[in-house]
Amino acid sequence: LVGIIRIACQKQMYITKAMDLTQK
């Protein structure tokens, strides 16, 4: 759970651009 939250914060821009997903 901690790792998921941490990477969602640190890689937010990548998640948005590469996955077309919001952080939520």
PDB file of all heavy atoms in Angstrom:
ATOM      1  N   LEU A   1       0.834  -1.209   0.000  1.00  0.00           N
ATOM      2  CA  LEU A   1       0.000   0.000   0.000  1.00  0.00           C
ATOM      3  C   LEU A   1       0.867   1.257   0.000  1.00  0.00           C
ATOM      4  O   LEU A   1       0.620   2.201  -0.760  1.00  0.00           O
ATOM      5  CB  LEU A   1      -0.916   0.009   1.232  1.00  0.00           C
ATOM      6  CG  LEU A   1      -2.087  -0.963   1.233  1.00  0.00           C
ATOM      7  CD1 LEU A   1      -2.788  -0.952   2.577  1.00  0.00           C
ATOM      8  CD2 LEU A   1      -3.074  -0.627   0.119  1.00  0.00           C
ATOM      9  N   VAL A   2       1.895   1.247   0.846  1.00  0.00           N
ATOM     10  CA  VAL A   2       2.804   2.394   0.928  1.00  0.00           C
ATOM     11  C   VAL A   2       3.519   2.608  -0.406  1.00  0.00           C
ATOM     12  O   VAL A   2       3.636   3.740  -0.894  1.00  0.00           O
ATOM     13  CB  VAL A   2       3.835   2.181   2.054  1.00  0.00           C
ATOM     14  CG1 VAL A   2       4.957   3.208   1.961  1.00  0.00           C
ATOM     15  CG2 VAL A   2       3.154   2.270   3.413  1.00  0.00           C
ATOM     16  N   GLY A   3       3.984   1.520  -1.014  1.00  0.00           N
ATOM     17  CA  GLY A   3       4.683   1.623  -2.289  1.00  0.00           C
ATOM     18  C   GLY A   3       3.796   2.164  -3.390  1.00  0.00           C
ATOM     19  O   GLY A   3       4.231   2.984  -4.220  1.00  0.00           O
ATOM     20  N   ILE A   4       2.547   1.721  -3.413  1.00  0.00           N
ATOM     21  CA  ILE A   4       1.592   2.204  -4.409  1.00  0.00           C
ATOM     22  C   ILE A   4       1.378   3.711  -4.256  1.00  0.00           C
ATOM     23  O   ILE A   4       1.400   4.464  -5.239  1.00  0.00           O
ATOM     24  CB  ILE A   4       0.248   1.454  -4.264  1.00  0.00           C
ATOM     25  CG1 ILE A   4       0.400   0.009  -4.738  1.00  0.00           C
ATOM     26  CG2 ILE A   4      -0.852   2.163  -5.061  1.00  0.00           C
ATOM     27  CD1 ILE A   4      -0.781  -0.876  -4.368  1.00  0.00           C
ATOM     28  N   ILE A   5       1.161   4.141  -3.033  1.00  0.00           N
ATOM     29  CA  ILE A   5       0.921   5.563  -2.778  1.00  0.00           C
ATOM     30  C   ILE A   5       2.150   6.389  -3.126  1.00  0.00           C
ATOM     31  O   ILE A   5       2.043   7.455  -3.746  1.00  0.00           O
ATOM     32  CB  ILE A   5       0.527   5.781  -1.297  1.00  0.00           C
ATOM     33  CG1 ILE A   5      -0.821   5.111  -1.015  1.00  0.00           C
ATOM     34  CG2 ILE A   5       0.469   7.267  -0.959  1.00  0.00           C
ATOM     35  CD1 ILE A   5      -1.178   5.039   0.454  1.00  0.00           C
ATOM     36  N   ARG A   6       3.318   5.885  -2.766  1.00  0.00           N
ATOM     37  CA  ARG A   6       4.552   6.616  -3.014  1.00  0.00           C
ATOM     38  C   ARG A   6       4.805   6.785  -4.518  1.00  0.00           C
ATOM     39  O   ARG A   6       5.134   7.871  -4.985  1.00  0.00           O
ATOM     40  CB  ARG A   6       5.722   5.908  -2.337  1.00  0.00           C
ATOM     41  CG  ARG A   6       7.039   6.671  -2.432  1.00  0.00           C
ATOM     42  CD  ARG A   6       8.107   5.997  -1.609  1.00  0.00           C
ATOM     43  NE  ARG A   6       7.919   6.227  -0.183  1.00  0.00           N
ATOM     44  CZ  ARG A   6       8.023   5.302   0.753  1.00  0.00           C
ATOM     45  NH1 ARG A   6       8.299   4.061   0.437  1.00  0.00           N
ATOM     46  NH2 ARG A   6       7.847   5.612   2.030  1.00  0.00           N
ATOM     47  N   ILE A   7       4.646   5.716  -5.278  1.00  0.00           N
ATOM     48  CA  ILE A   7       4.919   5.796  -6.715  1.00  0.00           C
ATOM     49  C   ILE A   7       3.851   6.624  -7.430  1.00  0.00           C
ATOM     50  O   ILE A   7       4.140   7.300  -8.419  1.00  0.00           O
ATOM     51  CB  ILE A   7       5.030   4.385  -7.332  1.00  0.00           C
ATOM     52  CG1 ILE A   7       5.792   4.471  -8.661  1.00  0.00           C
ATOM     53  CG2 ILE A   7       3.661   3.750  -7.542  1.00  0.00           C
ATOM     54  CD1 ILE A   7       6.183   3.126  -9.228  1.00  0.00           C
ATOM     55  N   ALA A   8       2.629   6.600  -6.918  1.00  0.00           N
ATOM     56  CA  ALA A   8       1.574   7.418  -7.512  1.00  0.00           C
ATOM     57  C   ALA A   8       1.887   8.899  -7.361  1.00  0.00           C
ATOM     58  O   ALA A   8       1.544   9.717  -8.229  1.00  0.00           O
ATOM     59  CB  ALA A   8       0.234   7.102  -6.866  1.00  0.00           C
ATOM     60  N   CYS A   9       2.548   9.247  -6.267  1.00  0.00           N
ATOM     61  CA  CYS A   9       2.943  10.635  -6.020  1.00  0.00           C
ATOM     62  C   CYS A   9       4.179  11.014  -6.827  1.00  0.00           C
ATOM     63  O   CYS A   9       4.210  12.050  -7.489  1.00  0.00           O
ATOM     64  CB  CYS A   9       3.191  10.831  -4.529  1.00  0.00           C
ATOM     65  SG  CYS A   9       3.720  12.497  -4.086  1.00  0.00           S
ATOM     66  N   GLN A  10       5.175  10.148  -6.799  1.00  0.00           N
ATOM     67  CA  GLN A  10       6.451  10.456  -7.446  1.00  0.00           C
ATOM     68  C   GLN A  10       6.373  10.391  -8.966  1.00  0.00           C
ATOM     69  O   GLN A  10       7.107  11.093  -9.656  1.00  0.00           O
ATOM     70  CB  GLN A  10       7.527   9.496  -6.934  1.00  0.00           C
ATOM     71  CG  GLN A  10       7.840   9.652  -5.445  1.00  0.00           C
ATOM     72  CD  GLN A  10       8.802   8.600  -4.932  1.00  0.00           C
ATOM     73  OE1 GLN A  10       9.096   7.618  -5.606  1.00  0.00           O
ATOM     74  NE2 GLN A  10       9.311   8.797  -3.712  1.00  0.00           N
ATOM     75  N   LYS A  11       5.507   9.542  -9.499  1.00  0.00           N
ATOM     76  CA  LYS A  11       5.419   9.327 -10.945  1.00  0.00           C
ATOM     77  C   LYS A  11       4.090   9.818 -11.525  1.00  0.00           C
ATOM     78  O   LYS A  11       3.614   9.315 -12.532  1.00  0.00           O
ATOM     79  CB  LYS A  11       5.587   7.837 -11.253  1.00  0.00           C
ATOM     80  CG  LYS A  11       6.908   7.234 -10.798  1.00  0.00           C
ATOM     81  CD  LYS A  11       8.076   7.775 -11.606  1.00  0.00           C
ATOM     82  CE  LYS A  11       9.376   7.087 -11.219  1.00  0.00           C
ATOM     83  NZ  LYS A  11      10.527   7.585 -12.023  1.00  0.00           N
ATOM     84  N   GLN A  12       3.524  10.830 -10.901  1.00  0.00           N
ATOM     85  CA  GLN A  12       2.211  11.298 -11.324  1.00  0.00           C
ATOM     86  C   GLN A  12       2.185  11.741 -12.787  1.00  0.00           C
ATOM     87  O   GLN A  12       1.267  11.410 -13.538  1.00  0.00           O
ATOM     88  CB  GLN A  12       1.755  12.448 -10.419  1.00  0.00           C
ATOM     89  CG  GLN A  12       0.344  12.938 -10.728  1.00  0.00           C
ATOM     90  CD  GLN A  12      -0.131  13.963  -9.712  1.00  0.00           C
ATOM     91  OE1 GLN A  12       0.561  14.250  -8.744  1.00  0.00           O
ATOM     92  NE2 GLN A  12      -1.323  14.495  -9.929  1.00  0.00           N
ATOM     93  N   MET A  13       3.207  12.481 -13.214  1.00  0.00           N
ATOM     94  CA  MET A  13       3.256  12.968 -14.594  1.00  0.00           C
ATOM     95  C   MET A  13       3.347  11.805 -15.585  1.00  0.00           C
ATOM     96  O   MET A  13       2.676  11.786 -16.618  1.00  0.00           O
ATOM     97  CB  MET A  13       4.445  13.910 -14.784  1.00  0.00           C
ATOM     98  CG  MET A  13       4.492  14.578 -16.147  1.00  0.00           C
ATOM     99  SD  MET A  13       5.856  15.754 -16.302  1.00  0.00           S
ATOM    100  CE  MET A  13       5.380  16.968 -15.060  1.00  0.00           C
ATOM    101  N   TYR A  14       4.177  10.810 -15.258  1.00  0.00           N
ATOM    102  CA  TYR A  14       4.331   9.647 -16.130  1.00  0.00           C
ATOM    103  C   TYR A  14       3.021   8.868 -16.214  1.00  0.00           C
ATOM    104  O   TYR A  14       2.618   8.419 -17.303  1.00  0.00           O
ATOM    105  CB  TYR A  14       5.439   8.739 -15.612  1.00  0.00           C
ATOM    106  CG  TYR A  14       5.601   7.471 -16.421  1.00  0.00           C
ATOM    107  CD1 TYR A  14       6.317   7.472 -17.614  1.00  0.00           C
ATOM    108  CD2 TYR A  14       5.023   6.273 -15.993  1.00  0.00           C
ATOM    109  CE1 TYR A  14       6.452   6.316 -18.367  1.00  0.00           C
ATOM    110  CE2 TYR A  14       5.153   5.109 -16.738  1.00  0.00           C
ATOM    111  CZ  TYR A  14       5.869   5.145 -17.923  1.00  0.00           C
ATOM    112  OH  TYR A  14       5.993   3.997 -18.665  1.00  0.00           O
ATOM    113  N   ILE A  15       2.363   8.702 -15.085  1.00  0.00           N
ATOM    114  CA  ILE A  15       1.097   7.967 -15.047  1.00  0.00           C
ATOM    115  C   ILE A  15       0.067   8.643 -15.940  1.00  0.00           C
ATOM    116  O   ILE A  15      -0.669   7.990 -16.687  1.00  0.00           O
ATOM    117  CB  ILE A  15       0.581   7.865 -13.597  1.00  0.00           C
ATOM    118  CG1 ILE A  15       1.482   6.922 -12.790  1.00  0.00           C
ATOM    119  CG2 ILE A  15      -0.866   7.393 -13.557  1.00  0.00           C
ATOM    120  CD1 ILE A  15       1.223   6.964 -11.295  1.00  0.00           C
ATOM    121  N   THR A  16       0.036   9.958 -15.893  1.00  0.00           N
ATOM    122  CA  THR A  16      -0.922  10.716 -16.700  1.00  0.00           C
ATOM    123  C   THR A  16      -0.602  10.600 -18.187  1.00  0.00           C
ATOM    124  O   THR A  16      -1.491  10.339 -19.010  1.00  0.00           O
ATOM    125  CB  THR A  16      -0.918  12.195 -16.288  1.00  0.00           C
ATOM    126  OG1 THR A  16      -1.256  12.298 -14.906  1.00  0.00           O
ATOM    127  CG2 THR A  16      -1.914  12.987 -17.117  1.00  0.00           C
ATOM    128  N   LYS A  17       0.662  10.776 -18.551  1.00  0.00           N
ATOM    129  CA  LYS A  17       1.054  10.785 -19.964  1.00  0.00           C
ATOM    130  C   LYS A  17       1.114   9.391 -20.577  1.00  0.00           C
ATOM    131  O   LYS A  17       0.621   9.161 -21.681  1.00  0.00           O
ATOM    132  CB  LYS A  17       2.409  11.476 -20.123  1.00  0.00           C
ATOM    133  CG  LYS A  17       2.364  12.970 -19.870  1.00  0.00           C
ATOM    134  CD  LYS A  17       3.713  13.622 -20.168  1.00  0.00           C
ATOM    135  CE  LYS A  17       3.639  15.133 -20.011  1.00  0.00           C
ATOM    136  NZ  LYS A  17       4.943  15.784 -20.305  1.00  0.00           N
ATOM    137  N   ALA A  18       1.740   8.463 -19.886  1.00  0.00           N
ATOM    138  CA  ALA A  18       1.950   7.129 -20.450  1.00  0.00           C
ATOM    139  C   ALA A  18       0.730   6.223 -20.317  1.00  0.00           C
ATOM    140  O   ALA A  18       0.481   5.374 -21.184  1.00  0.00           O
ATOM    141  CB  ALA A  18       3.156   6.471 -19.786  1.00  0.00           C
ATOM    142  N   MET A  19      -0.035   6.386 -19.249  1.00  0.00           N
ATOM    143  CA  MET A  19      -1.165   5.496 -18.993  1.00  0.00           C
ATOM    144  C   MET A  19      -2.513   6.152 -19.243  1.00  0.00           C
ATOM    145  O   MET A  19      -3.547   5.478 -19.220  1.00  0.00           O
ATOM    146  CB  MET A  19      -1.110   4.991 -17.542  1.00  0.00           C
ATOM    147  CG  MET A  19       0.185   4.325 -17.160  1.00  0.00           C
ATOM    148  SD  MET A  19       0.168   3.838 -15.400  1.00  0.00           S
ATOM    149  CE  MET A  19       1.912   3.503 -15.138  1.00  0.00           C
ATOM    150  N   ASP A  20      -2.497   7.461 -19.426  1.00  0.00           N
ATOM    151  CA  ASP A  20      -3.726   8.226 -19.590  1.00  0.00           C
ATOM    152  C   ASP A  20      -4.670   7.996 -18.406  1.00  0.00           C
ATOM    153  O   ASP A  20      -5.880   7.819 -18.567  1.00  0.00           O
ATOM    154  CB  ASP A  20      -4.433   7.858 -20.905  1.00  0.00           C
ATOM    155  CG  ASP A  20      -5.519   8.867 -21.273  1.00  0.00           C
ATOM    156  OD1 ASP A  20      -5.401  10.042 -20.849  1.00  0.00           O
ATOM    157  OD2 ASP A  20      -6.491   8.482 -21.964  1.00  0.00           O
ATOM    158  N   LEU A  21      -4.064   7.987 -17.212  1.00  0.00           N
ATOM    159  CA  LEU A  21      -4.831   7.800 -15.996  1.00  0.00           C
ATOM    160  C   LEU A  21      -4.587   8.967 -15.045  1.00  0.00           C
ATOM    161  O   LEU A  21      -3.481   9.499 -14.988  1.00  0.00           O
ATOM    162  CB  LEU A  21      -4.417   6.503 -15.282  1.00  0.00           C
ATOM    163  CG  LEU A  21      -4.758   5.174 -15.946  1.00  0.00           C
ATOM    164  CD1 LEU A  21      -4.121   4.039 -15.148  1.00  0.00           C
ATOM    165  CD2 LEU A  21      -6.264   4.972 -16.033  1.00  0.00           C
ATOM    166  N   THR A  22      -5.611   9.329 -14.296  1.00  0.00           N
ATOM    167  CA  THR A  22      -5.401  10.287 -13.221  1.00  0.00           C
ATOM    168  C   THR A  22      -4.722   9.552 -12.066  1.00  0.00           C
ATOM    169  O   THR A  22      -4.705   8.311 -12.025  1.00  0.00           O
ATOM    170  CB  THR A  22      -6.732  10.876 -12.723  1.00  0.00           C
ATOM    171  OG1 THR A  22      -7.521   9.815 -12.166  1.00  0.00           O
ATOM    172  CG2 THR A  22      -7.497  11.539 -13.864  1.00  0.00           C
ATOM    173  N   GLN A  23      -4.183  10.313 -11.151  1.00  0.00           N
ATOM    174  CA  GLN A  23      -3.566   9.686  -9.992  1.00  0.00           C
ATOM    175  C   GLN A  23      -4.588   8.837  -9.231  1.00  0.00           C
ATOM    176  O   GLN A  23      -4.287   7.718  -8.795  1.00  0.00           O
ATOM    177  CB  GLN A  23      -2.979  10.755  -9.069  1.00  0.00           C
ATOM    178  CG  GLN A  23      -2.203  10.181  -7.891  1.00  0.00           C
ATOM    179  CD  GLN A  23      -1.743  11.248  -6.925  1.00  0.00           C
ATOM    180  OE1 GLN A  23      -2.568  11.910  -6.286  1.00  0.00           O
ATOM    181  NE2 GLN A  23      -0.441  11.449  -6.818  1.00  0.00           N
ATOM    182  N   LYS A  24      -5.803   9.361  -9.077  1.00  0.00           N
ATOM    183  CA  LYS A  24      -6.852   8.636  -8.361  1.00  0.00           C
ATOM    184  C   LYS A  24      -7.203   7.329  -9.075  1.00  0.00           C
ATOM    185  O   LYS A  24      -7.379   6.285  -8.430  1.00  0.00           O
ATOM    186  CB  LYS A  24      -8.102   9.493  -8.218  1.00  0.00           C
ATOM    187  CG  LYS A  24      -9.214   8.814  -7.416  1.00  0.00           C
ATOM    188  CD  LYS A  24     -10.439   9.702  -7.290  1.00  0.00           C
ATOM    189  CE  LYS A  24     -11.508   9.032  -6.422  1.00  0.00           C
ATOM    190  NZ  LYS A  24     -11.862   7.665  -6.885  1.00  0.00           N
TER     191      LYS A  24
END
